[in-house]
PDB file of N, CA and C in Angstrom:
ATOM      1  N   MET A   1      24.276  -3.837  19.687  1.00  0.00           N
ATOM      2  CA  MET A   1      23.399  -4.068  18.487  1.00  0.00           C
ATOM      3  C   MET A   1      23.555  -2.636  18.212  1.00  0.00           C
ATOM      4  N   GLN A   2      23.508  -2.738  16.870  1.00  0.00           N
ATOM      5  CA  GLN A   2      23.462  -2.407  15.742  1.00  0.00           C
ATOM      6  C   GLN A   2      21.711  -2.296  14.798  1.00  0.00           C
ATOM      7  N   ASN A   3      21.304  -1.694  14.469  1.00  0.00           N
ATOM      8  CA  ASN A   3      19.795  -1.580  13.470  1.00  0.00           C
ATOM      9  C   ASN A   3      20.086  -0.717  12.777  1.00  0.00           C
ATOM     10  N   ASN A   4      19.505  -0.929  11.379  1.00  0.00           N
ATOM     11  CA  ASN A   4      19.525   0.256   9.976  1.00  0.00           C
ATOM     12  C   ASN A   4      18.354  -1.001   9.464  1.00  0.00           C
ATOM     13  N   VAL A   5      17.094   0.560   9.419  1.00  0.00           N
ATOM     14  CA  VAL A   5      15.866   0.302   8.361  1.00  0.00           C
ATOM     15  C   VAL A   5      15.561   1.298   7.704  1.00  0.00           C
ATOM     16  N   GLY A   6      14.546   1.242   6.664  1.00  0.00           N
ATOM     17  CA  GLY A   6      14.547   1.504   5.376  1.00  0.00           C
ATOM     18  C   GLY A   6      13.311   1.014   4.202  1.00  0.00           C
ATOM     19  N   GLN A   7      13.616   1.800   3.487  1.00  0.00           N
ATOM     20  CA  GLN A   7      12.537   1.232   2.344  1.00  0.00           C
ATOM     21  C   GLN A   7      12.519   1.072   1.317  1.00  0.00           C
ATOM     22  N   PHE A   8      12.147  -0.153   0.295  1.00  0.00           N
ATOM     23  CA  PHE A   8      12.269  -0.083  -1.118  1.00  0.00           C
ATOM     24  C   PHE A   8      11.157  -0.473  -2.150  1.00  0.00           C
ATOM     25  N   HIS A   9      11.856  -0.153  -3.855  1.00  0.00           N
ATOM     26  CA  HIS A   9       9.839  -0.789  -3.803  1.00  0.00           C
ATOM     27  C   HIS A   9       9.451  -1.779  -3.649  1.00  0.00           C
ATOM     28  N   GLY A  10       8.661  -1.815  -2.403  1.00  0.00           N
ATOM     29  CA  GLY A  10       7.755  -3.229  -2.911  1.00  0.00           C
ATOM     30  C   GLY A  10       7.455  -3.722  -1.783  1.00  0.00           C
ATOM     31  N   GLY A  11       8.476  -2.816  -0.514  1.00  0.00           N
ATOM     32  CA  GLY A  11       8.493  -2.946   0.770  1.00  0.00           C
ATOM     33  C   GLY A  11       9.389  -2.621   2.066  1.00  0.00           C
ATOM     34  N   SER A  12       9.707  -2.490   2.957  1.00  0.00           N
ATOM     35  CA  SER A  12      10.503  -2.624   4.374  1.00  0.00           C
ATOM     36  C   SER A  12      11.469  -3.385   4.552  1.00  0.00           C
ATOM     37  N   TYR A  13      12.464  -3.018   4.478  1.00  0.00           N
ATOM     38  CA  TYR A  13      13.714  -3.894   6.160  1.00  0.00           C
ATOM     39  C   TYR A  13      13.612  -3.649   6.970  1.00  0.00           C
ATOM     40  N   LYS A  14      14.628  -4.520   7.972  1.00  0.00           N
ATOM     41  CA  LYS A  14      14.973  -3.661   8.929  1.00  0.00           C
ATOM     42  C   LYS A  14      16.893  -4.693   8.897  1.00  0.00           C
ATOM     43  N   THR A  15      17.708  -3.999   9.315  1.00  0.00           N
ATOM     44  CA  THR A  15      19.313  -4.975  10.102  1.00  0.00           C
ATOM     45  C   THR A  15      19.175  -5.175  11.521  1.00  0.00           C
ATOM     46  N   GLU A  16      19.890  -6.020  12.290  1.00  0.00           N
ATOM     47  CA  GLU A  16      19.916  -6.800  13.276  1.00  0.00           C
ATOM     48  C   GLU A  16      21.067  -6.694  12.603  1.00  0.00           C
ATOM     49  N   HIS A  17      22.465  -6.467  13.648  1.00  0.00           N
ATOM     50  CA  HIS A  17      23.838  -6.665  13.470  1.00  0.00           C
ATOM     51  C   HIS A  17      24.472  -6.317  14.737  1.00  0.00           C
ATOM     52  N   ARG A  18      24.815  -7.845  15.298  1.00  0.00           N
ATOM     53  CA  ARG A  18      24.934  -9.098  16.414  1.00  0.00           C
ATOM     54  C   ARG A  18      26.584  -9.010  16.709  1.00  0.00           C
ATOM     55  N   ASP A  19      27.324  -9.390  17.860  1.00  0.00           N
ATOM     56  CA  ASP A  19      28.417  -9.564  17.613  1.00  0.00           C
ATOM     57  C   ASP A  19      28.728 -11.042  17.487  1.00  0.00           C
ATOM     58  N   THR A  20      27.211 -11.668  17.028  1.00  0.00           N
ATOM     59  CA  THR A  20      28.409 -13.296  17.180  1.00  0.00           C
ATOM     60  C   THR A  20      26.642 -13.351  15.321  1.00  0.00           C
ATOM     61  N   ASN A  21      26.474 -12.371  15.243  1.00  0.00           N
ATOM     62  CA  ASN A  21      25.098 -12.669  13.722  1.00  0.00           C
ATOM     63  C   ASN A  21      24.779 -12.174  13.456  1.00  0.00           C
ATOM     64  N   SER A  22      24.057 -11.910  11.616  1.00  0.00           N
ATOM     65  CA  SER A  22      22.950 -10.806  11.427  1.00  0.00           C
ATOM     66  C   SER A  22      21.888 -11.223  11.146  1.00  0.00           C
ATOM     67  N   MET A  23      20.579 -10.739  10.684  1.00  0.00           N
ATOM     68  CA  MET A  23      19.403 -10.754  10.617  1.00  0.00           C
ATOM     69  C   MET A  23      18.969  -9.984   9.719  1.00  0.00           C
ATOM     70  N   LEU A  24      18.055  -9.760   8.257  1.00  0.00           N
ATOM     71  CA  LEU A  24      17.326  -9.395   8.017  1.00  0.00           C
ATOM     72  C   LEU A  24      16.220  -9.590   7.995  1.00  0.00           C
ATOM     73  N   TYR A  25      15.253  -8.705   8.333  1.00  0.00           N
ATOM     74  CA  TYR A  25      13.303  -8.479   8.253  1.00  0.00           C
ATOM     75  C   TYR A  25      13.476  -8.233   7.233  1.00  0.00           C
ATOM     76  N   VAL A  26      12.925  -8.449   6.086  1.00  0.00           N
ATOM     77  CA  VAL A  26      11.793  -8.068   4.605  1.00  0.00           C
ATOM     78  C   VAL A  26      10.987  -8.442   5.151  1.00  0.00           C
ATOM     79  N   MET A  27       9.877  -6.744   4.829  1.00  0.00           N
ATOM     80  CA  MET A  27       8.130  -7.137   4.708  1.00  0.00           C
ATOM     81  C   MET A  27       8.136  -6.965   3.702  1.00  0.00           C
ATOM     82  N   LEU A  28       6.971  -7.215   2.902  1.00  0.00           N
ATOM     83  CA  LEU A  28       7.080  -7.557   0.992  1.00  0.00           C
ATOM     84  C   LEU A  28       5.182  -7.134   1.135  1.00  0.00           C
ATOM     85  N   GLN A  29       5.843  -6.607  -0.081  1.00  0.00           N
ATOM     86  CA  GLN A  29       4.377  -6.171  -0.343  1.00  0.00           C
ATOM     87  C   GLN A  29       3.751  -6.763  -1.052  1.00  0.00           C
ATOM     88  N   PRO A  30       1.747  -7.126  -1.117  1.00  0.00           N
ATOM     89  CA  PRO A  30       1.387  -7.581  -2.301  1.00  0.00           C
ATOM     90  C   PRO A  30       2.061  -7.692  -3.255  1.00  0.00           C
ATOM     91  N   GLU A  31       2.860  -9.125  -3.908  1.00  0.00           N
ATOM     92  CA  GLU A  31       3.353  -8.912  -5.367  1.00  0.00           C
ATOM     93  C   GLU A  31       4.695  -8.807  -5.396  1.00  0.00           C
ATOM     94  N   ALA A  32       4.754  -7.952  -4.509  1.00  0.00           N
ATOM     95  CA  ALA A  32       6.658  -7.729  -4.497  1.00  0.00           C
ATOM     96  C   ALA A  32       7.688  -8.639  -4.580  1.00  0.00           C
ATOM     97  N   LYS A  33       8.104  -9.331  -5.003  1.00  0.00           N
ATOM     98  CA  LYS A  33       9.577 -10.775  -5.408  1.00  0.00           C
ATOM     99  C   LYS A  33      10.662  -9.710  -4.473  1.00  0.00           C
ATOM    100  N   LEU A  34      11.138 -11.133  -3.919  1.00  0.00           N
ATOM    101  CA  LEU A  34      12.676 -10.615  -3.244  1.00  0.00           C
ATOM    102  C   LEU A  34      13.874 -11.974  -3.954  1.00  0.00           C
ATOM    103  N   HIS A  35      14.637 -12.072  -4.325  1.00  0.00           N
ATOM    104  CA  HIS A  35      15.275 -13.132  -4.437  1.00  0.00           C
ATOM    105  C   HIS A  35      16.802 -12.997  -3.601  1.00  0.00           C
ATOM    106  N   ALA A  36      16.843 -13.841  -3.094  1.00  0.00           N
ATOM    107  CA  ALA A  36      17.895 -14.522  -2.377  1.00  0.00           C
ATOM    108  C   ALA A  36      18.586 -16.126  -2.830  1.00  0.00           C
ATOM    109  N   LEU A  37      19.654 -16.333  -1.811  1.00  0.00           N
ATOM    110  CA  LEU A  37      20.415 -17.991  -2.055  1.00  0.00           C
ATOM    111  C   LEU A  37      19.845 -18.764  -1.234  1.00  0.00           C
ATOM    112  N   PRO A  38      20.004 -20.063  -1.131  1.00  0.00           N
ATOM    113  CA  PRO A  38      18.854 -21.092  -0.961  1.00  0.00           C
ATOM    114  C   PRO A  38      19.671 -21.020   0.223  1.00  0.00           C
ATOM    115  N   GLY A  39      19.127 -21.233   2.030  1.00  0.00           N
ATOM    116  CA  GLY A  39      19.969 -21.463   3.004  1.00  0.00           C
ATOM    117  C   GLY A  39      20.186 -20.366   3.648  1.00  0.00           C
ATOM    118  N   SER A  40      19.580 -19.486   3.179  1.00  0.00           N
ATOM    119  CA  SER A  40      19.609 -18.072   3.901  1.00  0.00           C
ATOM    120  C   SER A  40      18.942 -17.709   4.382  1.00  0.00           C
ATOM    121  N   MET A  41      17.440 -18.112   4.573  1.00  0.00           N
ATOM    122  CA  MET A  41      15.422 -18.275   4.850  1.00  0.00           C
ATOM    123  C   MET A  41      15.921 -18.595   6.816  1.00  0.00           C
ATOM    124  N   VAL A  42      15.505 -18.063   7.337  1.00  0.00           N
ATOM    125  CA  VAL A  42      15.613 -18.221   8.448  1.00  0.00           C
ATOM    126  C   VAL A  42      13.969 -18.536   9.063  1.00  0.00           C
ATOM    127  N   ALA A  43      12.915 -17.781   8.140  1.00  0.00           N
ATOM    128  CA  ALA A  43      11.770 -18.186   8.787  1.00  0.00           C
ATOM    129  C   ALA A  43      10.595 -16.981   7.080  1.00  0.00           C
ATOM    130  N   MET A  44       9.393 -17.805   7.482  1.00  0.00           N
ATOM    131  CA  MET A  44       8.417 -16.286   7.040  1.00  0.00           C
ATOM    132  C   MET A  44       7.155 -16.523   7.031  1.00  0.00           C
ATOM    133  N   SER A  45       6.176 -15.582   6.759  1.00  0.00           N
ATOM    134  CA  SER A  45       5.184 -15.642   6.779  1.00  0.00           C
ATOM    135  C   SER A  45       4.290 -16.362   6.521  1.00  0.00           C
ATOM    136  N   PRO A  46       3.577 -17.193   6.587  1.00  0.00           N
ATOM    137  CA  PRO A  46       2.621 -18.319   5.838  1.00  0.00           C
ATOM    138  C   PRO A  46       2.034 -17.643   4.800  1.00  0.00           C
ATOM    139  N   GLN A  47       1.660 -16.476   4.060  1.00  0.00           N
ATOM    140  CA  GLN A  47       1.297 -16.170   3.195  1.00  0.00           C
ATOM    141  C   GLN A  47       2.575 -16.292   1.674  1.00  0.00           C
ATOM    142  N   VAL A  48       3.570 -15.767   2.642  1.00  0.00           N
ATOM    143  CA  VAL A  48       4.529 -15.658   1.260  1.00  0.00           C
ATOM    144  C   VAL A  48       4.824 -16.986   0.309  1.00  0.00           C
ATOM    145  N   GLN A  49       5.184 -16.843  -0.982  1.00  0.00           N
ATOM    146  CA  GLN A  49       4.635 -18.100  -1.680  1.00  0.00           C
ATOM    147  C   GLN A  49       6.637 -18.193  -2.114  1.00  0.00           C
ATOM    148  N   LEU A  50       6.717 -19.640  -1.658  1.00  0.00           N
ATOM    149  CA  LEU A  50       8.428 -19.345  -2.690  1.00  0.00           C
ATOM    150  C   LEU A  50       8.215 -19.961  -3.236  1.00  0.00           C
ATOM    151  N   LYS A  51       9.819 -20.078  -4.061  1.00  0.00           N
ATOM    152  CA  LYS A  51       9.939 -20.986  -5.897  1.00  0.00           C
ATOM    153  C   LYS A  51      11.403 -20.778  -5.592  1.00  0.00           C
ATOM    154  N   GLY A  52      12.217 -22.262  -5.571  1.00  0.00           N
ATOM    155  CA  GLY A  52      13.216 -22.113  -6.130  1.00  0.00           C
ATOM    156  C   GLY A  52      13.763 -22.597  -7.599  1.00  0.00           C
ATOM    157  N   LYS A  53      14.352 -21.782  -8.063  1.00  0.00           N
ATOM    158  CA  LYS A  53      14.785 -22.059  -9.423  1.00  0.00           C
ATOM    159  C   LYS A  53      16.648 -22.712  -9.740  1.00  0.00           C
ATOM    160  N   SER A  54      16.627 -23.324 -10.505  1.00  0.00           N
ATOM    161  CA  SER A  54      18.098 -24.015 -10.604  1.00  0.00           C
ATOM    162  C   SER A  54      18.662 -23.167 -12.307  1.00  0.00           C
ATOM    163  N   LYS A  55      20.080 -22.591 -12.515  1.00  0.00           N
ATOM    164  CA  LYS A  55      20.099 -22.231 -13.277  1.00  0.00           C
ATOM    165  C   LYS A  55      21.882 -22.704 -14.167  1.00  0.00           C
ATOM    166  N   PHE A  56      21.391 -23.555 -15.100  1.00  0.00           N
ATOM    167  CA  PHE A  56      22.698 -24.376 -15.175  1.00  0.00           C
ATOM    168  C   PHE A  56      23.713 -23.508 -16.149  1.00  0.00           C
ATOM    169  N   SER A  57      24.800 -23.850 -15.930  1.00  0.00           N
ATOM    170  CA  SER A  57      25.541 -22.620 -16.837  1.00  0.00           C
ATOM    171  C   SER A  57      27.282 -22.867 -17.083  1.00  0.00           C
ATOM    172  N   LEU A  58      28.325 -23.593 -17.610  1.00  0.00           N
ATOM    173  CA  LEU A  58      28.901 -24.205 -17.735  1.00  0.00           C
ATOM    174  C   LEU A  58      29.915 -22.836 -16.872  1.00  0.00           C
ATOM    175  N   LYS A  59      30.051 -22.052 -17.588  1.00  0.00           N
ATOM    176  CA  LYS A  59      30.567 -20.514 -17.306  1.00  0.00           C
ATOM    177  C   LYS A  59      30.442 -20.624 -15.685  1.00  0.00           C
ATOM    178  N   LYS A  60      29.555 -20.570 -14.634  1.00  0.00           N
ATOM    179  CA  LYS A  60      28.668 -20.631 -13.396  1.00  0.00           C
ATOM    180  C   LYS A  60      30.156 -21.982 -12.692  1.00  0.00           C
ATOM    181  N   MET A  61      30.068 -23.299 -13.304  1.00  0.00           N
ATOM    182  CA  MET A  61      30.387 -24.169 -12.839  1.00  0.00           C
ATOM    183  C   MET A  61      32.054 -24.791 -13.321  1.00  0.00           C
ATOM    184  N   PHE A  62      32.264 -23.934 -14.191  1.00  0.00           N
ATOM    185  CA  PHE A  62      34.023 -23.439 -14.419  1.00  0.00           C
ATOM    186  C   PHE A  62      34.569 -22.484 -13.181  1.00  0.00           C
ATOM    187  N   ILE A  63      34.475 -21.575 -13.076  1.00  0.00           N
ATOM    188  CA  ILE A  63      34.416 -20.597 -12.083  1.00  0.00           C
ATOM    189  C   ILE A  63      34.075 -20.103 -11.459  1.00  0.00           C
ATOM    190  N   GLY A  64      32.786 -20.444 -11.096  1.00  0.00           N
ATOM    191  CA  GLY A  64      32.214 -20.115  -9.683  1.00  0.00           C
ATOM    192  C   GLY A  64      31.151 -19.628  -9.522  1.00  0.00           C
ATOM    193  N   GLY A  65      29.821 -19.129  -8.610  1.00  0.00           N
ATOM    194  CA  GLY A  65      28.528 -18.964  -9.102  1.00  0.00           C
ATOM    195  C   GLY A  65      28.121 -19.177  -8.494  1.00  0.00           C
ATOM    196  N   GLN A  66      26.595 -18.898  -7.876  1.00  0.00           N
ATOM    197  CA  GLN A  66      26.034 -19.403  -7.443  1.00  0.00           C
ATOM    198  C   GLN A  66      24.417 -19.831  -8.624  1.00  0.00           C
ATOM    199  N   MET A  67      24.224 -21.952  -8.944  1.00  0.00           N
ATOM    200  CA  MET A  67      23.537 -21.984  -9.551  1.00  0.00           C
ATOM    201  C   MET A  67      22.195 -22.356  -9.248  1.00  0.00           C
ATOM    202  N   ALA A  68      22.083 -21.753  -8.060  1.00  0.00           N
ATOM    203  CA  ALA A  68      20.504 -21.741  -7.248  1.00  0.00           C
ATOM    204  C   ALA A  68      19.830 -20.685  -6.774  1.00  0.00           C
ATOM    205  N   MET A  69      18.605 -20.492  -7.068  1.00  0.00           N
ATOM    206  CA  MET A  69      17.763 -18.945  -6.393  1.00  0.00           C
ATOM    207  C   MET A  69      17.135 -19.402  -5.685  1.00  0.00           C
ATOM    208  N   SER A  70      16.357 -18.607  -4.666  1.00  0.00           N
ATOM    209  CA  SER A  70      14.861 -18.773  -3.578  1.00  0.00           C
ATOM    210  C   SER A  70      14.522 -17.835  -4.225  1.00  0.00           C
ATOM    211  N   THR A  71      13.188 -17.277  -5.115  1.00  0.00           N
ATOM    212  CA  THR A  71      12.382 -16.079  -4.681  1.00  0.00           C
ATOM    213  C   THR A  71      11.178 -15.967  -3.620  1.00  0.00           C
ATOM    214  N   PHE A  72      10.955 -15.573  -2.962  1.00  0.00           N
ATOM    215  CA  PHE A  72       9.803 -14.814  -2.255  1.00  0.00           C
ATOM    216  C   PHE A  72       8.935 -13.863  -2.976  1.00  0.00           C
ATOM    217  N   THR A  73       7.696 -14.243  -2.364  1.00  0.00           N
ATOM    218  CA  THR A  73       6.465 -12.902  -3.148  1.00  0.00           C
ATOM    219  C   THR A  73       5.900 -12.775  -2.306  1.00  0.00           C
ATOM    220  N   GLY A  74       5.340 -11.531  -1.782  1.00  0.00           N
ATOM    221  CA  GLY A  74       3.929 -11.242  -1.289  1.00  0.00           C
ATOM    222  C   GLY A  74       3.291 -11.063  -0.834  1.00  0.00           C
ATOM    223  N   PRO A  75       2.388 -11.064   0.006  1.00  0.00           N
ATOM    224  CA  PRO A  75       2.806 -10.229   1.046  1.00  0.00           C
ATOM    225  C   PRO A  75       3.198 -10.964   2.461  1.00  0.00           C
ATOM    226  N   GLY A  76       3.264 -10.292   3.303  1.00  0.00           N
ATOM    227  CA  GLY A  76       4.237 -10.864   4.429  1.00  0.00           C
ATOM    228  C   GLY A  76       5.821 -10.664   5.178  1.00  0.00           C
ATOM    229  N   GLU A  77       6.531 -11.608   5.868  1.00  0.00           N
ATOM    230  CA  GLU A  77       7.479 -11.146   6.289  1.00  0.00           C
ATOM    231  C   GLU A  77       8.623 -12.197   6.027  1.00  0.00           C
ATOM    232  N   VAL A  78       9.602 -12.333   5.562  1.00  0.00           N
ATOM    233  CA  VAL A  78      10.624 -12.798   5.379  1.00  0.00           C
ATOM    234  C   VAL A  78      12.187 -12.490   6.354  1.00  0.00           C
ATOM    235  N   LEU A  79      12.197 -13.475   7.037  1.00  0.00           N
ATOM    236  CA  LEU A  79      13.639 -13.522   7.867  1.00  0.00           C
ATOM    237  C   LEU A  79      14.905 -14.134   7.126  1.00  0.00           C
ATOM    238  N   LEU A  80      16.062 -13.858   7.069  1.00  0.00           N
ATOM    239  CA  LEU A  80      16.815 -13.445   6.615  1.00  0.00           C
ATOM    240  C   LEU A  80      18.836 -13.949   7.081  1.00  0.00           C
ATOM    241  N   ALA A  81      19.059 -14.510   7.492  1.00  0.00           N
ATOM    242  CA  ALA A  81      20.452 -14.772   7.782  1.00  0.00           C
ATOM    243  C   ALA A  81      21.538 -15.276   5.865  1.00  0.00           C
ATOM    244  N   PRO A  82      23.273 -14.720   7.096  1.00  0.00           N
ATOM    245  CA  PRO A  82      24.001 -15.176   6.011  1.00  0.00           C
ATOM    246  C   PRO A  82      23.804 -17.044   5.945  1.00  0.00           C
ATOM    247  N   PRO A  83      24.067 -17.241   4.574  1.00  0.00           N
ATOM    248  CA  PRO A  83      24.026 -18.960   4.447  1.00  0.00           C
ATOM    249  C   PRO A  83      25.701 -19.464   5.588  1.00  0.00           C
ATOM    250  N   ILE A  84      25.579 -20.041   5.611  1.00  0.00           N
ATOM    251  CA  ILE A  84      26.233 -20.893   6.736  1.00  0.00           C
ATOM    252  C   ILE A  84      27.347 -21.892   6.052  1.00  0.00           C
ATOM    253  N   TRP A  85      27.169 -22.218   5.044  1.00  0.00           N
ATOM    254  CA  TRP A  85      28.240 -22.763   4.081  1.00  0.00           C
ATOM    255  C   TRP A  85      29.157 -21.504   3.047  1.00  0.00           C
TER     256      TRP A  85
END
């Protein structure tokens, strides 16, 4: 298993890489925001606020791309993994 740790403006993170899966642990400071793909959240602290958003775009509809996004607002911890689809 390989781990990486670091900091960014608004929090810190730790990654865990295993043979079968990967996890990203993000610790958000108050009012810090994190954008992620829908379906990638594994768990989150009860203090974290989650908002979903859909954006309609003909360009994205025809050539591909994400039309939805999840936004997490701290304080607290969010655990993310690659989406399964």
